[in-house]
Each structure stands twice: as structure tokens, then as C-alpha cells.
Amino acid sequence: MPEGPSVRKFHHLTSPFVGQQVVKTGGSSKKLNPASFQSLWLQDTQVHGKKLFLRFDPDEETKSPGNNPLPEPLGKGEKKKEAGDQKQTLGSDSQKISDQSSQSDSGDNGSVCLGGDSPAGGAERWLQVSFGLFGSIWVNEFSRAKKANKRGDWRDPIPRLVLHFGGGGFLAFYNCQMSWSSSPVVQPTSDILSEKFHRGQALEALGREQPVCYTLLDQRCFSGLGNIIKNEALYRAGIHPLSLGSLLSPRQLEMLVDHVVEFSTDWLQDKFQGRQNHTQIYQKEQCPAGHQVRKEAFGPPGGFQRLTWWCPQCQPRLPPDEPEQVQLP
């Protein structure tokens, strides 16, 4: 699933539509009826970790979305001639990652699902969006097939939800799960990209007597952190993924948190500037030092296993005398 930087980009793309009314809907969603969004007003957007929250209301509470820039209106009809500087799309931001899954990482707290295919009762109606493998949001255009499927057909992806707004633009949501909630589940102290991210809590969590690669993917401690960030932060800190946090020095733990925040922030900036993020160990055969990289699936007993890349020379095991898991072919 998309990691924190990608979901922050999705939040950035949806923000200009705040204060606008939904005038047309579409999509293949079975759980939520797309038509139920008709005439609702998008009033707010929030992001936490890997989840996006959109608040809809049947009434226009605010006339102007403030300083949010509005997209250029589209021409009449379904076809749109795109101007290069007005085209907003994720492009290369859609990650094609073979080891990612639509399953949530361990400890991913969900909101209270109120069920039904229409907004929840009460003054505030929050739509929680959780993205699956290759999940994305496209603005003012639809995703197109980049290659033929197994049957040899060139079929474009089908959006789960499409919302056309009164300002002329539209949002298309792909490969995601949506549910109504009474309020967004937001804990900024655990969000790795939040200004309120609490380093002390993160260090305390990492110091547990369990492999640090398990703790890093626990969304209760590191919301927004996924497999790419996990691999990159561990390599740059020189820490073996199966090293027990209780055996690492305070300096090593500090370095690991530093690299988590630094890599995540740099990745987010790359997305805003349209650059490809540069990984040093993830899906590599050799590390930057020229050593052979190993790949194995690690995860808690009975839990979800995630492919992990590491360099045995640059990331020594702690404790070193324990046998490692069998390497995948």
C-alpha cells in the first residue's frame, strides 16, 4: 500500500476541492454507493499515516475554501483537452512494488465504521480512505493502462469512486477501501511526517525486546511507515532488521529514528517536485558499498511477513550467534 509520503501527496491533491459541491458521481464501489455523494459539500481533508480523511456535509458551511487554489474548469462533455501546466496527476508517484499488499501493517488502527452506503449521522461526516496495492488518486484525468493484462487486453483501471465538483474538476480514487466514520482517527505523535511526531515515544517503542523491523511497521508507533522506509532507514543506520531493539545502543536507536524521518521527508519533497525517490537497498542486488544484498521475508510469528533487503556486512546481526531465517529463492 502507499506509504506516508504518497498519502500526503494525495491529501495535497484533494485540498483544492475543499469548499466545493459534488455535482456528479461515478465509480465501481459496492460498499459505498457513489450516488450517495451527490450534492454533498467537501468541507475538510486530513491525513494520518497511510489514511486519508475527507469530511462531507449536505450544507455549504463555508462559502470560500480560503487560500486553497481551485483547479481550472473543464470543458463541457466527457473529453478533456489537457494543458501541460494544468494537468495534475500522480504520474510516477504510483509505486509498482511487488512485495506490497493491500493488507495493513501490524497495529494499524481503523476508525469506527458506521456502515451503510450514505454519510453517517451528525454534523460531521468523515470518509476514511485506506489505499491498497497501487492505490492512488488522480485529478482531472483517469488512469490509463500502461501494459496489457495476462489475457493480452489493454484495459484501463476502473476507479472505485469518481467525484465531479462544481468548480469543474474531478477526483478519481483507485484501489482503495472506503468507510464512513464519526471522526478521523488522528494521532500526530505517532505520524512520522507530522510536526508533532514524538521522538521519545518512538525510541521507547524501538527499545523493546523484539526485532526492530517488526516495531518499525507497527502503525501505532510509526504511522505512515511502510516497507520501503523500513528497509532504507535500517540500511542507512547500519542495523540488521532482526536485531533486538533492547540490544541496540541509545545512539543506534537515535540514528534509526533520524533516518526514518529524514528519508520520509526527502521522499515527500521528491513527490512534490516530481522527482523519483532514490533507494540504496530496497529491491537492490548490491548495496552502495558493492556488497551482495540478501532478501528474506520477516514478520512476527503468525503475523504478516514482509520482504526485507539488507547487507550482511553493512548491517551486522545483533546478537550475532543466532541463526538467521532461511533465505527465499
C-alpha atoms as a PDB file:
ATOM      1  CA  MET A   1       0.000   0.000   0.000  1.00  0.00           C
ATOM      2  CA  PRO A   2       1.166   3.602  -0.491  1.00  0.00           C
ATOM      3  CA  GLU A   3       3.303   4.865   2.383  1.00  0.00           C
ATOM      4  CA  GLY A   4       3.033   8.121   4.301  1.00  0.00           C
ATOM      5  CA  PRO A   5       4.670  10.389   1.678  1.00  0.00           C
ATOM      6  CA  SER A   6       2.310   9.138  -1.047  1.00  0.00           C
ATOM      7  CA  VAL A   7      -0.802   9.670   1.079  1.00  0.00           C
ATOM      8  CA  ARG A   8       0.435  13.172   1.970  1.00  0.00           C
ATOM      9  CA  LYS A   9       0.617  13.830  -1.774  1.00  0.00           C
ATOM     10  CA  PHE A  10      -2.957  12.563  -2.151  1.00  0.00           C
ATOM     11  CA  HIS A  11      -4.003  14.977   0.611  1.00  0.00           C
ATOM     12  CA  HIS A  12      -2.278  17.796  -1.256  1.00  0.00           C
ATOM     13  CA  LEU A  13      -4.193  16.919  -4.436  1.00  0.00           C
ATOM     14  CA  THR A  14      -7.610  16.819  -2.755  1.00  0.00           C
ATOM     15  CA  SER A  15      -7.216  20.035  -0.724  1.00  0.00           C
ATOM     16  CA  PRO A  16      -8.072  22.447  -3.594  1.00  0.00           C
ATOM     17  CA  PHE A  17     -11.549  20.896  -3.770  1.00  0.00           C
ATOM     18  CA  VAL A  18     -12.455  21.863  -0.194  1.00  0.00           C
ATOM     19  CA  GLY A  19     -15.476  24.172  -0.237  1.00  0.00           C
ATOM     20  CA  GLN A  20     -16.893  22.719  -3.466  1.00  0.00           C
ATOM     21  CA  GLN A  21     -20.083  20.724  -4.027  1.00  0.00           C
ATOM     22  CA  VAL A  22     -20.252  17.297  -5.652  1.00  0.00           C
ATOM     23  CA  VAL A  23     -22.351  17.657  -8.815  1.00  0.00           C
ATOM     24  CA  LYS A  24     -21.781  14.272 -10.477  1.00  0.00           C
ATOM     25  CA  THR A  25     -20.593  10.865  -9.276  1.00  0.00           C
ATOM     26  CA  GLY A  26     -19.419   7.538 -10.629  1.00  0.00           C
ATOM     27  CA  GLY A  27     -17.275   4.541  -9.805  1.00  0.00           C
ATOM     28  CA  SER A  28     -17.404   0.813  -9.145  1.00  0.00           C
ATOM     29  CA  SER A  29     -17.669   0.887  -5.343  1.00  0.00           C
ATOM     30  CA  LYS A  30     -20.028  -1.756  -3.955  1.00  0.00           C
ATOM     31  CA  LYS A  31     -19.669  -0.914  -0.267  1.00  0.00           C
ATOM     32  CA  LEU A  32     -20.491   2.768  -0.717  1.00  0.00           C
ATOM     33  CA  ASN A  33     -23.000   3.930  -3.301  1.00  0.00           C
ATOM     34  CA  PRO A  34     -21.268   6.620  -5.392  1.00  0.00           C
ATOM     35  CA  ALA A  35     -24.631   8.329  -5.940  1.00  0.00           C
ATOM     36  CA  SER A  36     -24.861   8.987  -2.187  1.00  0.00           C
ATOM     37  CA  PHE A  37     -22.190  11.692  -2.591  1.00  0.00           C
ATOM     38  CA  GLN A  38     -24.402  13.685  -4.955  1.00  0.00           C
ATOM     39  CA  SER A  39     -24.884  17.310  -3.787  1.00  0.00           C
ATOM     40  CA  LEU A  40     -22.625  16.899  -0.732  1.00  0.00           C
ATOM     41  CA  TRP A  41     -20.028  19.546   0.068  1.00  0.00           C
ATOM     42  CA  LEU A  42     -16.400  18.626   0.711  1.00  0.00           C
ATOM     43  CA  GLN A  43     -15.610  20.622   3.843  1.00  0.00           C
ATOM     44  CA  ASP A  44     -12.236  19.372   5.077  1.00  0.00           C
ATOM     45  CA  THR A  45      -9.403  16.931   4.404  1.00  0.00           C
ATOM     46  CA  GLN A  46      -6.977  15.403   6.883  1.00  0.00           C
ATOM     47  CA  VAL A  47      -4.226  12.835   6.654  1.00  0.00           C
ATOM     48  CA  HIS A  48      -2.780  10.477   9.230  1.00  0.00           C
ATOM     49  CA  GLY A  49      -0.126   7.973   8.323  1.00  0.00           C
ATOM     50  CA  LYS A  50      -1.463   5.846   5.468  1.00  0.00           C
ATOM     51  CA  LYS A  51      -5.069   7.028   5.736  1.00  0.00           C
ATOM     52  CA  LEU A  52      -6.868   9.955   4.165  1.00  0.00           C
ATOM     53  CA  PHE A  53      -9.988  11.507   5.727  1.00  0.00           C
ATOM     54  CA  LEU A  54     -12.499  13.623   3.794  1.00  0.00           C
ATOM     55  CA  ARG A  55     -15.378  15.408   5.532  1.00  0.00           C
ATOM     56  CA  PHE A  56     -18.613  15.807   3.592  1.00  0.00           C
ATOM     57  CA  ASP A  57     -21.709  17.728   4.625  1.00  0.00           C
ATOM     58  CA  PRO A  58     -25.085  18.288   2.944  1.00  0.00           C
ATOM     59  CA  ASP A  59     -24.899  22.022   3.673  1.00  0.00           C
ATOM     60  CA  GLU A  60     -22.451  24.663   2.495  1.00  0.00           C
ATOM     61  CA  GLU A  61     -20.960  25.750   5.807  1.00  0.00           C
ATOM     62  CA  THR A  62     -18.255  27.920   4.288  1.00  0.00           C
ATOM     63  CA  LYS A  63     -18.552  29.849   1.051  1.00  0.00           C
ATOM     64  CA  SER A  64     -14.854  30.091   0.309  1.00  0.00           C
ATOM     65  CA  PRO A  65     -12.184  27.438   0.848  1.00  0.00           C
ATOM     66  CA  GLY A  66      -9.778  30.158   1.916  1.00  0.00           C
ATOM     67  CA  ASN A  67      -6.465  30.228   0.119  1.00  0.00           C
ATOM     68  CA  ASN A  68      -6.888  26.797  -1.493  1.00  0.00           C
ATOM     69  CA  PRO A  69      -6.257  27.224  -5.243  1.00  0.00           C
ATOM     70  CA  LEU A  70      -9.079  25.844  -7.364  1.00  0.00           C
ATOM     71  CA  PRO A  71      -8.394  23.701 -10.441  1.00  0.00           C
ATOM     72  CA  GLU A  72      -9.139  25.044 -13.889  1.00  0.00           C
ATOM     73  CA  PRO A  73     -12.723  24.285 -15.013  1.00  0.00           C
ATOM     74  CA  LEU A  74     -13.126  21.506 -17.562  1.00  0.00           C
ATOM     75  CA  GLY A  75     -14.828  21.914 -20.896  1.00  0.00           C
ATOM     76  CA  LYS A  76     -18.301  20.508 -21.491  1.00  0.00           C
ATOM     77  CA  GLY A  77     -18.631  16.807 -22.255  1.00  0.00           C
ATOM     78  CA  GLU A  78     -16.606  13.839 -21.112  1.00  0.00           C
ATOM     79  CA  LYS A  79     -13.470  14.531 -23.178  1.00  0.00           C
ATOM     80  CA  LYS A  80     -10.926  16.984 -21.895  1.00  0.00           C
ATOM     81  CA  LYS A  81      -8.027  18.586 -23.696  1.00  0.00           C
ATOM     82  CA  GLU A  82      -5.253  18.753 -21.166  1.00  0.00           C
ATOM     83  CA  ALA A  83      -2.890  21.665 -20.962  1.00  0.00           C
ATOM     84  CA  GLY A  84       0.534  20.648 -19.761  1.00  0.00           C
ATOM     85  CA  ASP A  85       0.770  23.132 -16.901  1.00  0.00           C
ATOM     86  CA  GLN A  86      -2.814  22.482 -15.762  1.00  0.00           C
ATOM     87  CA  LYS A  87      -2.599  18.673 -15.748  1.00  0.00           C
ATOM     88  CA  GLN A  88      -2.483  17.260 -12.235  1.00  0.00           C
ATOM     89  CA  THR A  89      -1.609  13.579 -11.913  1.00  0.00           C
ATOM     90  CA  LEU A  90       0.455  11.297  -9.751  1.00  0.00           C
ATOM     91  CA  GLY A  91       2.425  10.003 -12.709  1.00  0.00           C
ATOM     92  CA  SER A  92       5.484   8.165 -11.403  1.00  0.00           C
ATOM     93  CA  ASP A  93       4.238   8.519  -7.829  1.00  0.00           C
ATOM     94  CA  SER A  94       2.191   5.343  -8.297  1.00  0.00           C
ATOM     95  CA  GLN A  95       4.542   2.763  -6.815  1.00  0.00           C
ATOM     96  CA  LYS A  96       4.842  -0.608  -8.582  1.00  0.00           C
ATOM     97  CA  ILE A  97       6.106  -2.722  -5.728  1.00  0.00           C
ATOM     98  CA  SER A  98       5.945  -6.492  -5.906  1.00  0.00           C
ATOM     99  CA  ASP A  99       6.152  -7.090  -2.177  1.00  0.00           C
ATOM    100  CA  GLN A 100       3.468  -4.667  -1.053  1.00  0.00           C
ATOM    101  CA  SER A 101      -0.019  -5.846  -0.186  1.00  0.00           C
ATOM    102  CA  SER A 102      -3.435  -4.373   0.381  1.00  0.00           C
ATOM    103  CA  GLN A 103      -3.214  -5.653   3.945  1.00  0.00           C
ATOM    104  CA  SER A 104      -2.455  -3.154   6.652  1.00  0.00           C
ATOM    105  CA  ASP A 105       0.785  -3.296   8.576  1.00  0.00           C
ATOM    106  CA  SER A 106       0.588  -4.528  12.147  1.00  0.00           C
ATOM    107  CA  GLY A 107      -1.195  -2.300  14.607  1.00  0.00           C
ATOM    108  CA  ASP A 108      -2.986  -0.196  12.022  1.00  0.00           C
ATOM    109  CA  ASN A 109      -5.879   1.322  13.934  1.00  0.00           C
ATOM    110  CA  GLY A 110      -9.109   1.758  11.989  1.00  0.00           C
ATOM    111  CA  SER A 111     -11.873   4.237  12.568  1.00  0.00           C
ATOM    112  CA  VAL A 112     -15.321   3.349  13.832  1.00  0.00           C
ATOM    113  CA  CYS A 113     -17.191   2.171  10.757  1.00  0.00           C
ATOM    114  CA  LEU A 114     -20.804   3.234  10.877  1.00  0.00           C
ATOM    115  CA  GLY A 115     -21.877   1.082   7.947  1.00  0.00           C
ATOM    116  CA  GLY A 116     -24.342   1.825   5.202  1.00  0.00           C
ATOM    117  CA  ASP A 117     -23.806   3.494   1.843  1.00  0.00           C
ATOM    118  CA  SER A 118     -24.639   7.032   2.907  1.00  0.00           C
ATOM    119  CA  PRO A 119     -22.921   9.530   5.221  1.00  0.00           C
ATOM    120  CA  ALA A 120     -23.108   8.971   8.948  1.00  0.00           C
ATOM    121  CA  GLY A 121     -25.494  10.962  11.063  1.00  0.00           C
ATOM    122  CA  GLY A 122     -24.423  14.076  12.906  1.00  0.00           C
ATOM    123  CA  ALA A 123     -22.894  17.346  11.870  1.00  0.00           C
ATOM    124  CA  GLU A 124     -19.610  15.924  10.630  1.00  0.00           C
ATOM    125  CA  ARG A 125     -19.333  13.088   8.139  1.00  0.00           C
ATOM    126  CA  TRP A 126     -15.844  11.722   7.565  1.00  0.00           C
ATOM    127  CA  LEU A 127     -14.955   9.366   4.747  1.00  0.00           C
ATOM    128  CA  GLN A 128     -11.933   7.232   5.623  1.00  0.00           C
ATOM    129  CA  VAL A 129      -9.882   6.142   2.608  1.00  0.00           C
ATOM    130  CA  SER A 130      -7.355   3.311   3.000  1.00  0.00           C
ATOM    131  CA  PHE A 131      -5.326   2.577  -0.115  1.00  0.00           C
ATOM    132  CA  GLY A 132      -4.483  -0.901  -1.370  1.00  0.00           C
ATOM    133  CA  LEU A 133      -1.716  -2.110  -3.643  1.00  0.00           C
ATOM    134  CA  PHE A 134      -1.107   0.573  -6.292  1.00  0.00           C
ATOM    135  CA  GLY A 135      -3.859   2.692  -4.708  1.00  0.00           C
ATOM    136  CA  SER A 136      -3.914   6.265  -5.976  1.00  0.00           C
ATOM    137  CA  ILE A 137      -5.896   9.442  -6.576  1.00  0.00           C
ATOM    138  CA  TRP A 138      -5.972  11.119  -9.978  1.00  0.00           C
ATOM    139  CA  VAL A 139      -7.060  14.704 -10.548  1.00  0.00           C
ATOM    140  CA  ASN A 140      -8.902  15.865 -13.669  1.00  0.00           C
ATOM    141  CA  GLU A 141      -7.967  12.735 -15.626  1.00  0.00           C
ATOM    142  CA  PHE A 142      -8.266   8.971 -15.403  1.00  0.00           C
ATOM    143  CA  SER A 143      -5.549   6.368 -15.033  1.00  0.00           C
ATOM    144  CA  ARG A 144      -4.667   4.567 -18.241  1.00  0.00           C
ATOM    145  CA  ALA A 145      -3.340   1.053 -18.795  1.00  0.00           C
ATOM    146  CA  LYS A 146       0.444   1.014 -19.098  1.00  0.00           C
ATOM    147  CA  LYS A 147       0.642  -2.578 -20.314  1.00  0.00           C
ATOM    148  CA  ALA A 148      -1.579  -5.470 -21.368  1.00  0.00           C
ATOM    149  CA  ASN A 149      -3.033  -7.797 -18.744  1.00  0.00           C
ATOM    150  CA  LYS A 150      -2.490 -11.565 -18.617  1.00  0.00           C
ATOM    151  CA  ARG A 151      -5.149 -12.026 -21.286  1.00  0.00           C
ATOM    152  CA  GLY A 152      -3.426  -9.556 -23.566  1.00  0.00           C
ATOM    153  CA  ASP A 153      -6.126  -6.905 -23.154  1.00  0.00           C
ATOM    154  CA  TRP A 154      -5.335  -3.228 -22.727  1.00  0.00           C
ATOM    155  CA  ARG A 155      -7.970  -2.375 -20.167  1.00  0.00           C
ATOM    156  CA  ASP A 156      -7.825   0.858 -18.219  1.00  0.00           C
ATOM    157  CA  PRO A 157      -8.111   0.595 -14.419  1.00  0.00           C
ATOM    158  CA  ILE A 158     -11.639   1.150 -13.123  1.00  0.00           C
ATOM    159  CA  PRO A 159     -11.901   3.859 -10.440  1.00  0.00           C
ATOM    160  CA  ARG A 160     -13.562   2.910  -7.179  1.00  0.00           C
ATOM    161  CA  LEU A 161     -15.084   6.381  -6.855  1.00  0.00           C
ATOM    162  CA  VAL A 162     -15.285   9.454  -9.085  1.00  0.00           C
ATOM    163  CA  LEU A 163     -16.423  12.812  -7.735  1.00  0.00           C
ATOM    164  CA  HIS A 164     -17.077  15.739 -10.080  1.00  0.00           C
ATOM    165  CA  PHE A 165     -17.227  19.122  -8.357  1.00  0.00           C
ATOM    166  CA  GLY A 166     -18.982  22.392  -9.091  1.00  0.00           C
ATOM    167  CA  GLY A 167     -15.683  24.103  -9.867  1.00  0.00           C
ATOM    168  CA  GLY A 168     -15.263  21.896 -12.934  1.00  0.00           C
ATOM    169  CA  GLY A 169     -12.627  19.420 -11.772  1.00  0.00           C
ATOM    170  CA  PHE A 170     -12.926  15.841 -10.562  1.00  0.00           C
ATOM    171  CA  LEU A 171     -11.194  13.290  -8.333  1.00  0.00           C
ATOM    172  CA  ALA A 172     -10.809   9.621  -9.246  1.00  0.00           C
ATOM    173  CA  PHE A 173      -9.993   7.130  -6.467  1.00  0.00           C
ATOM    174  CA  TYR A 174      -8.343   3.822  -7.382  1.00  0.00           C
ATOM    175  CA  ASN A 175      -7.807   0.586  -5.451  1.00  0.00           C
ATOM    176  CA  CYS A 176      -8.923   1.764  -2.040  1.00  0.00           C
ATOM    177  CA  GLN A 177     -11.282   0.849   0.772  1.00  0.00           C
ATOM    178  CA  MET A 178     -13.717   3.481   1.975  1.00  0.00           C
ATOM    179  CA  SER A 179     -15.971   3.704   5.021  1.00  0.00           C
ATOM    180  CA  TRP A 180     -17.823   6.411   6.913  1.00  0.00           C
ATOM    181  CA  SER A 181     -16.570   7.325  10.363  1.00  0.00           C
ATOM    182  CA  SER A 182     -17.770   9.667  13.076  1.00  0.00           C
ATOM    183  CA  SER A 183     -14.400  11.418  13.260  1.00  0.00           C
ATOM    184  CA  PRO A 184     -10.889  10.988  11.835  1.00  0.00           C
ATOM    185  CA  VAL A 185      -8.530   8.746  13.778  1.00  0.00           C
ATOM    186  CA  VAL A 186      -5.588  11.096  14.176  1.00  0.00           C
ATOM    187  CA  GLN A 187      -2.616  10.580  16.498  1.00  0.00           C
ATOM    188  CA  PRO A 188       0.015  13.054  15.264  1.00  0.00           C
ATOM    189  CA  THR A 189       2.565  11.964  17.878  1.00  0.00           C
ATOM    190  CA  SER A 190       2.977   8.662  16.003  1.00  0.00           C
ATOM    191  CA  ASP A 191       2.818  10.104  12.462  1.00  0.00           C
ATOM    192  CA  ILE A 192       6.366  10.128  11.047  1.00  0.00           C
ATOM    193  CA  LEU A 193       5.602  13.155   8.842  1.00  0.00           C
ATOM    194  CA  SER A 194       3.793  15.209  11.475  1.00  0.00           C
ATOM    195  CA  GLU A 195       5.406  18.171  13.192  1.00  0.00           C
ATOM    196  CA  LYS A 196       4.082  16.663  16.434  1.00  0.00           C
ATOM    197  CA  PHE A 197       5.847  13.317  15.924  1.00  0.00           C
ATOM    198  CA  HIS A 198       7.096  12.267  19.385  1.00  0.00           C
ATOM    199  CA  ARG A 199      10.686  11.007  19.236  1.00  0.00           C
ATOM    200  CA  GLY A 200      10.619   9.860  22.833  1.00  0.00           C
ATOM    201  CA  GLN A 201       7.684   7.540  22.227  1.00  0.00           C
ATOM    202  CA  ALA A 202       9.335   6.218  19.068  1.00  0.00           C
ATOM    203  CA  LEU A 203      12.605   5.486  20.878  1.00  0.00           C
ATOM    204  CA  GLU A 204      10.793   3.761  23.685  1.00  0.00           C
ATOM    205  CA  ALA A 205       8.949   1.536  21.212  1.00  0.00           C
ATOM    206  CA  LEU A 206      12.126   0.648  19.328  1.00  0.00           C
ATOM    207  CA  GLY A 207      13.859  -0.354  22.552  1.00  0.00           C
ATOM    208  CA  ARG A 208      11.598  -3.351  23.070  1.00  0.00           C
ATOM    209  CA  GLU A 209      12.958  -6.876  23.164  1.00  0.00           C
ATOM    210  CA  GLN A 210      11.845  -7.724  19.641  1.00  0.00           C
ATOM    211  CA  PRO A 211      13.319  -7.316  16.126  1.00  0.00           C
ATOM    212  CA  VAL A 212      13.334  -3.666  15.159  1.00  0.00           C
ATOM    213  CA  CYS A 213      11.882  -4.458  11.721  1.00  0.00           C
ATOM    214  CA  TYR A 214       8.681  -5.593  13.471  1.00  0.00           C
ATOM    215  CA  THR A 215       8.405  -2.400  15.508  1.00  0.00           C
ATOM    216  CA  LEU A 216       9.016  -0.103  12.547  1.00  0.00           C
ATOM    217  CA  LEU A 217       5.948  -1.448  10.713  1.00  0.00           C
ATOM    218  CA  ASP A 218       3.692  -1.114  13.770  1.00  0.00           C
ATOM    219  CA  GLN A 219       1.407   1.757  12.752  1.00  0.00           C
ATOM    220  CA  ARG A 220       0.618   2.514  16.394  1.00  0.00           C
ATOM    221  CA  CYS A 221       4.244   3.600  16.814  1.00  0.00           C
ATOM    222  CA  PHE A 222       5.256   4.701  13.302  1.00  0.00           C
ATOM    223  CA  SER A 223       2.144   5.698  11.407  1.00  0.00           C
ATOM    224  CA  GLY A 224       2.856   6.077   7.693  1.00  0.00           C
ATOM    225  CA  LEU A 225       5.997   3.954   7.748  1.00  0.00           C
ATOM    226  CA  GLY A 226       5.967   1.149   5.168  1.00  0.00           C
ATOM    227  CA  ASN A 227       8.301  -1.408   3.702  1.00  0.00           C
ATOM    228  CA  ILE A 228      10.390   0.985   1.608  1.00  0.00           C
ATOM    229  CA  ILE A 229      11.050   3.356   4.511  1.00  0.00           C
ATOM    230  CA  LYS A 230      11.757   0.400   6.806  1.00  0.00           C
ATOM    231  CA  ASN A 231      14.430  -1.046   4.526  1.00  0.00           C
ATOM    232  CA  GLU A 232      16.082   2.288   3.753  1.00  0.00           C
ATOM    233  CA  ALA A 233      16.194   3.527   7.347  1.00  0.00           C
ATOM    234  CA  LEU A 234      17.669   0.257   8.648  1.00  0.00           C
ATOM    235  CA  TYR A 235      20.384   0.210   5.992  1.00  0.00           C
ATOM    236  CA  ARG A 236      21.374   3.846   6.458  1.00  0.00           C
ATOM    237  CA  ALA A 237      21.552   3.313  10.213  1.00  0.00           C
ATOM    238  CA  GLY A 238      23.656   0.148   9.737  1.00  0.00           C
ATOM    239  CA  ILE A 239      21.205  -2.012  11.707  1.00  0.00           C
ATOM    240  CA  HIS A 240      20.263  -5.592  10.867  1.00  0.00           C
ATOM    241  CA  PRO A 241      16.462  -5.927  10.555  1.00  0.00           C
ATOM    242  CA  LEU A 242      16.322  -8.778  13.097  1.00  0.00           C
ATOM    243  CA  SER A 243      18.429  -7.019  15.722  1.00  0.00           C
ATOM    244  CA  LEU A 244      16.579  -6.829  19.032  1.00  0.00           C
ATOM    245  CA  GLY A 245      15.847  -3.250  19.967  1.00  0.00           C
ATOM    246  CA  SER A 246      16.806  -3.938  23.582  1.00  0.00           C
ATOM    247  CA  LEU A 247      20.384  -4.755  22.449  1.00  0.00           C
ATOM    248  CA  LEU A 248      20.887  -1.575  20.454  1.00  0.00           C
ATOM    249  CA  SER A 249      22.636   1.418  21.995  1.00  0.00           C
ATOM    250  CA  PRO A 250      20.763   4.698  22.558  1.00  0.00           C
ATOM    251  CA  ARG A 251      22.876   6.233  19.797  1.00  0.00           C
ATOM    252  CA  GLN A 252      21.860   3.495  17.333  1.00  0.00           C
ATOM    253  CA  LEU A 253      18.202   3.979  18.158  1.00  0.00           C
ATOM    254  CA  GLU A 254      18.550   7.738  17.750  1.00  0.00           C
ATOM    255  CA  MET A 255      20.189   7.251  14.351  1.00  0.00           C
ATOM    256  CA  LEU A 256      17.409   4.919  13.240  1.00  0.00           C
ATOM    257  CA  VAL A 257      14.687   7.436  14.121  1.00  0.00           C
ATOM    258  CA  ASP A 258      16.713  10.174  12.401  1.00  0.00           C
ATOM    259  CA  HIS A 259      16.882   8.160   9.177  1.00  0.00           C
ATOM    260  CA  VAL A 260      13.174   7.294   9.330  1.00  0.00           C
ATOM    261  CA  VAL A 261      12.218  10.974   9.488  1.00  0.00           C
ATOM    262  CA  GLU A 262      14.909  12.156   7.048  1.00  0.00           C
ATOM    263  CA  PHE A 263      14.145   9.598   4.332  1.00  0.00           C
ATOM    264  CA  SER A 264      10.380  10.096   4.680  1.00  0.00           C
ATOM    265  CA  THR A 265      10.697  13.882   4.468  1.00  0.00           C
ATOM    266  CA  ASP A 266      13.039  13.721   1.471  1.00  0.00           C
ATOM    267  CA  TRP A 267      10.693  11.307  -0.284  1.00  0.00           C
ATOM    268  CA  LEU A 268       7.756  13.652   0.264  1.00  0.00           C
ATOM    269  CA  GLN A 269       9.714  16.587  -1.155  1.00  0.00           C
ATOM    270  CA  ASP A 270      10.681  14.473  -4.177  1.00  0.00           C
ATOM    271  CA  LYS A 271       6.994  13.791  -4.804  1.00  0.00           C
ATOM    272  CA  PHE A 272       6.067  17.461  -4.645  1.00  0.00           C
ATOM    273  CA  GLN A 273       8.886  18.299  -7.051  1.00  0.00           C
ATOM    274  CA  GLY A 274       8.176  15.421  -9.427  1.00  0.00           C
ATOM    275  CA  ARG A 275      11.414  13.555  -8.755  1.00  0.00           C
ATOM    276  CA  GLN A 276      11.884   9.805  -8.364  1.00  0.00           C
ATOM    277  CA  ASN A 277      12.982   8.787  -4.881  1.00  0.00           C
ATOM    278  CA  HIS A 278      16.405   7.141  -4.757  1.00  0.00           C
ATOM    279  CA  THR A 279      16.714   3.963  -2.710  1.00  0.00           C
ATOM    280  CA  GLN A 280      20.006   2.441  -1.629  1.00  0.00           C
ATOM    281  CA  ILE A 281      18.945  -1.059  -0.540  1.00  0.00           C
ATOM    282  CA  TYR A 282      15.282  -1.633  -1.397  1.00  0.00           C
ATOM    283  CA  GLN A 283      14.985  -4.165  -4.253  1.00  0.00           C
ATOM    284  CA  LYS A 284      18.731  -3.892  -4.919  1.00  0.00           C
ATOM    285  CA  GLU A 285      21.163  -6.720  -5.677  1.00  0.00           C
ATOM    286  CA  GLN A 286      24.152  -4.807  -4.314  1.00  0.00           C
ATOM    287  CA  CYS A 287      24.460  -2.128  -1.649  1.00  0.00           C
ATOM    288  CA  PRO A 288      26.235   1.179  -2.401  1.00  0.00           C
ATOM    289  CA  ALA A 289      29.446  -0.360  -0.980  1.00  0.00           C
ATOM    290  CA  GLY A 290      29.289  -3.131  -3.577  1.00  0.00           C
ATOM    291  CA  HIS A 291      28.302  -5.952  -1.195  1.00  0.00           C
ATOM    292  CA  GLN A 292      25.784  -8.641  -2.099  1.00  0.00           C
ATOM    293  CA  VAL A 293      22.317  -7.877  -0.728  1.00  0.00           C
ATOM    294  CA  ARG A 294      20.169 -10.561   0.878  1.00  0.00           C
ATOM    295  CA  LYS A 295      16.395 -10.791   0.724  1.00  0.00           C
ATOM    296  CA  GLU A 296      14.101 -12.589   3.146  1.00  0.00           C
ATOM    297  CA  ALA A 297      10.570 -12.342   4.475  1.00  0.00           C
ATOM    298  CA  PHE A 298      10.445 -11.227   8.109  1.00  0.00           C
ATOM    299  CA  GLY A 299       7.475 -10.709  10.379  1.00  0.00           C
ATOM    300  CA  PRO A 300       6.037 -11.563  13.791  1.00  0.00           C
ATOM    301  CA  PRO A 301       5.142 -15.241  14.374  1.00  0.00           C
ATOM    302  CA  GLY A 302       1.699 -15.769  12.906  1.00  0.00           C
ATOM    303  CA  GLY A 303       1.722 -12.241  11.514  1.00  0.00           C
ATOM    304  CA  PHE A 304       2.176 -10.699   8.104  1.00  0.00           C
ATOM    305  CA  GLN A 305       5.616 -11.342   6.571  1.00  0.00           C
ATOM    306  CA  ARG A 306       7.286  -8.540   4.598  1.00  0.00           C
ATOM    307  CA  LEU A 307      10.162  -8.872   2.161  1.00  0.00           C
ATOM    308  CA  THR A 308      13.279  -7.296   3.571  1.00  0.00           C
ATOM    309  CA  TRP A 309      16.536  -6.342   1.865  1.00  0.00           C
ATOM    310  CA  TRP A 310      19.756  -5.892   3.881  1.00  0.00           C
ATOM    311  CA  CYS A 311      23.515  -6.104   3.591  1.00  0.00           C
ATOM    312  CA  PRO A 312      25.091  -8.650   5.996  1.00  0.00           C
ATOM    313  CA  GLN A 313      28.359  -6.691   6.004  1.00  0.00           C
ATOM    314  CA  CYS A 314      26.972  -3.193   6.469  1.00  0.00           C
ATOM    315  CA  GLN A 315      24.220  -4.351   8.849  1.00  0.00           C
ATOM    316  CA  PRO A 316      25.659  -6.947  11.287  1.00  0.00           C
ATOM    317  CA  ARG A 317      23.207  -9.063  13.238  1.00  0.00           C
ATOM    318  CA  LEU A 318      22.660  -8.455  16.971  1.00  0.00           C
ATOM    319  CA  PRO A 319      23.037 -10.878  18.648  1.00  0.00           C
ATOM    320  CA  PRO A 320      25.365 -12.405  16.007  1.00  0.00           C
ATOM    321  CA  ASP A 321      25.245 -16.006  17.234  1.00  0.00           C
ATOM    322  CA  GLU A 322      21.563 -16.652  16.434  1.00  0.00           C
ATOM    323  CA  PRO A 323      20.786 -18.498  13.186  1.00  0.00           C
ATOM    324  CA  GLU A 324      19.041 -16.442  10.528  1.00  0.00           C
ATOM    325  CA  GLN A 325      15.887 -17.464   8.733  1.00  0.00           C
ATOM    326  CA  VAL A 326      16.119 -19.487   5.546  1.00  0.00           C
ATOM    327  CA  GLN A 327      16.731 -17.262   2.555  1.00  0.00           C
ATOM    328  CA  LEU A 328      13.995 -17.108  -0.060  1.00  0.00           C
ATOM    329  CA  PRO A 329      14.877 -18.371  -3.542  1.00  0.00           C
END
